[in-house]
Amino acid sequence: MTEGITVLVVDDEPDVRWVLEMILLKNGFVVALAASGQEAMQWLHEHSCQLMLVDAKLNDIEGLELIIRIRNETTCLAPAILVSGFFYADDAIIKQRLKMGHISAFVAKPFRHDEIIKSIRAVLMRGGYASTVATTP
């Protein structure tokens, strides 16, 4: 059960936002969508979430930079999963940001639906949501 867990999806590609929204809704998450870093910042000034899925390359800001701005300019401490068709899991910058705690996980595009859910569940369980995160697909 994932009731009450809000995931903010930040991606400038409408098709990717839609696919992520459908995957998340099917798995019981509450979903908020932002098409840009600016939209995400505005949303976070008024709302909260328990997890963020952030594209690495947005039209108005780099995803990694956005995550740092979110930490510095909002009260949001939700873990972030970087979703990217630009970087790979073994890229030095990804390894560094994971080690520094800027991102909690990385998922490469194109992704499998089960891969996204597996990453989300793992991050949420590490963050203390074990009792509310379903462990079966």
Protein backbone atom coordinates (compact mmCIF):
# COMPACT_ATOMS: atom_id res chain seq x y z
CA MET A 1 0.00 0.00 0.00
CA THR A 2 1.40 3.40 -0.96
CA GLU A 3 -1.54 5.63 -0.04
CA GLY A 4 -0.56 9.14 0.90
CA ILE A 5 2.91 8.96 -0.60
CA THR A 6 3.26 11.82 -3.05
CA VAL A 7 5.83 11.59 -5.83
CA LEU A 8 6.81 14.73 -7.74
CA VAL A 9 7.74 13.91 -11.34
CA VAL A 10 9.90 16.58 -13.02
CA ASP A 11 10.45 15.96 -16.72
CA ASP A 12 10.15 18.25 -19.75
CA GLU A 13 9.03 15.41 -22.04
CA PRO A 14 5.21 15.07 -21.91
CA ASP A 15 5.31 11.39 -22.91
CA VAL A 16 7.77 10.53 -20.14
CA ARG A 17 5.70 12.45 -17.57
CA TRP A 18 2.60 10.57 -18.71
CA VAL A 19 4.26 7.14 -18.55
CA LEU A 20 5.69 7.83 -15.09
CA GLU A 21 2.34 9.16 -13.91
CA MET A 22 0.54 6.01 -15.12
CA ILE A 23 3.13 3.70 -13.51
CA LEU A 24 2.90 5.57 -10.21
CA LEU A 25 -0.90 5.80 -10.17
CA LYS A 26 -1.19 2.08 -10.96
CA ASN A 27 0.98 1.41 -7.92
CA GLY A 28 -1.10 3.58 -5.61
CA PHE A 29 1.03 6.71 -5.39
CA VAL A 30 -0.26 10.27 -5.39
CA VAL A 31 1.40 12.05 -8.33
CA ALA A 32 2.34 15.68 -8.94
CA LEU A 33 3.79 16.73 -12.29
CA ALA A 34 6.17 19.52 -13.28
CA ALA A 35 7.40 20.20 -16.82
CA SER A 36 10.35 22.36 -15.74
CA GLY A 37 12.60 23.21 -12.84
CA GLN A 38 10.69 26.44 -12.35
CA GLU A 39 7.36 24.57 -12.10
CA ALA A 40 8.89 22.14 -9.61
CA MET A 41 10.21 24.97 -7.43
CA GLN A 42 6.85 26.75 -7.48
CA TRP A 43 5.02 23.54 -6.59
CA LEU A 44 7.41 22.75 -3.73
CA HIS A 45 6.93 26.21 -2.22
CA GLU A 46 3.25 25.34 -1.75
CA HIS A 47 3.20 21.54 -1.37
CA SER A 48 5.26 18.66 -0.09
CA CYS A 49 6.21 15.25 -1.41
CA GLN A 50 7.90 12.14 -0.11
CA LEU A 51 9.92 11.44 -3.25
CA MET A 52 11.03 13.18 -6.45
CA LEU A 53 11.77 11.70 -9.88
CA VAL A 54 13.90 14.29 -11.67
CA ASP A 55 15.06 14.25 -15.28
CA ALA A 56 18.77 15.04 -15.66
CA LYS A 57 18.32 17.41 -18.60
CA LEU A 58 15.43 19.85 -18.30
CA ASN A 59 14.83 22.76 -20.67
CA ASP A 60 15.52 25.37 -18.00
CA ILE A 61 18.02 23.71 -15.61
CA GLU A 62 20.14 20.61 -15.14
CA GLY A 63 18.38 18.07 -12.93
CA LEU A 64 21.31 17.77 -10.51
CA GLU A 65 21.41 21.55 -10.13
CA LEU A 66 17.65 21.61 -9.56
CA ILE A 67 17.94 19.09 -6.73
CA ILE A 68 20.56 21.26 -5.01
CA ARG A 69 18.36 24.35 -5.46
CA ILE A 70 15.40 22.47 -4.00
CA ARG A 71 17.47 21.59 -0.93
CA ASN A 72 18.73 25.17 -0.54
CA GLU A 73 15.59 27.15 -1.41
CA THR A 74 12.67 25.02 -0.16
CA THR A 75 11.88 22.96 2.90
CA CYS A 76 11.78 19.78 0.80
CA LEU A 77 14.04 17.02 2.06
CA ALA A 78 12.42 14.26 -0.01
CA PRO A 79 14.84 11.83 -1.62
CA ALA A 80 15.44 12.28 -5.33
CA ILE A 81 15.83 9.66 -8.02
CA LEU A 82 17.61 10.98 -11.11
CA VAL A 83 16.10 9.65 -14.35
CA SER A 84 18.30 10.17 -17.39
CA GLY A 85 18.88 9.28 -21.00
CA PHE A 86 22.08 11.34 -20.88
CA PHE A 87 24.01 9.80 -17.97
CA TYR A 88 24.71 6.16 -17.16
CA ALA A 89 24.85 4.49 -13.76
CA ASP A 90 28.64 4.14 -13.98
CA ASP A 91 29.30 7.82 -14.84
CA ALA A 92 31.62 9.47 -12.32
CA ILE A 93 29.19 12.34 -11.65
CA ILE A 94 26.37 9.91 -10.85
CA LYS A 95 28.56 7.87 -8.51
CA GLN A 96 29.73 11.08 -6.83
CA ARG A 97 26.21 12.49 -6.37
CA LEU A 98 24.98 9.17 -4.99
CA LYS A 99 27.89 9.09 -2.53
CA MET A 100 27.26 12.71 -1.50
CA GLY A 101 23.57 11.99 -0.96
CA HIS A 102 22.36 14.51 -3.55
CA ILE A 103 20.47 11.70 -5.23
CA SER A 104 19.20 8.50 -3.65
CA ALA A 105 19.09 6.41 -6.83
CA PHE A 106 19.61 6.57 -10.58
CA VAL A 107 17.48 5.11 -13.36
CA ALA A 108 18.59 5.23 -17.00
CA LYS A 109 16.18 5.96 -19.85
CA PRO A 110 14.70 4.03 -21.47
CA PHE A 111 13.54 2.30 -18.30
CA ARG A 112 11.36 -0.69 -17.55
CA HIS A 113 8.24 -0.09 -15.46
CA ASP A 114 9.34 -2.59 -12.82
CA GLU A 115 12.76 -0.92 -12.62
CA ILE A 116 11.18 2.42 -11.66
CA ILE A 117 8.95 0.84 -9.01
CA LYS A 118 11.82 -1.24 -7.60
CA SER A 119 13.98 1.90 -7.25
CA ILE A 120 11.14 3.89 -5.68
CA ARG A 121 10.36 1.17 -3.16
CA ALA A 122 14.02 0.75 -2.21
CA VAL A 123 14.47 4.49 -1.66
CA LEU A 124 11.25 4.81 0.34
CA MET A 125 12.08 1.81 2.50
CA ARG A 126 15.49 3.32 3.33
CA GLY A 127 13.67 6.54 4.19
CA GLY A 128 11.43 5.01 6.81
CA TYR A 129 8.35 4.21 4.74
CA ALA A 130 8.72 0.42 5.01
CA SER A 131 5.29 0.01 6.62
CA THR A 132 3.51 1.91 3.83
CA VAL A 133 5.39 0.63 0.77
CA ALA A 134 4.09 -2.53 -0.84
CA THR A 135 6.89 -4.94 -1.58
CA THR A 136 5.10 -6.89 -4.29
CA PRO A 137 4.52 -5.59 -7.83
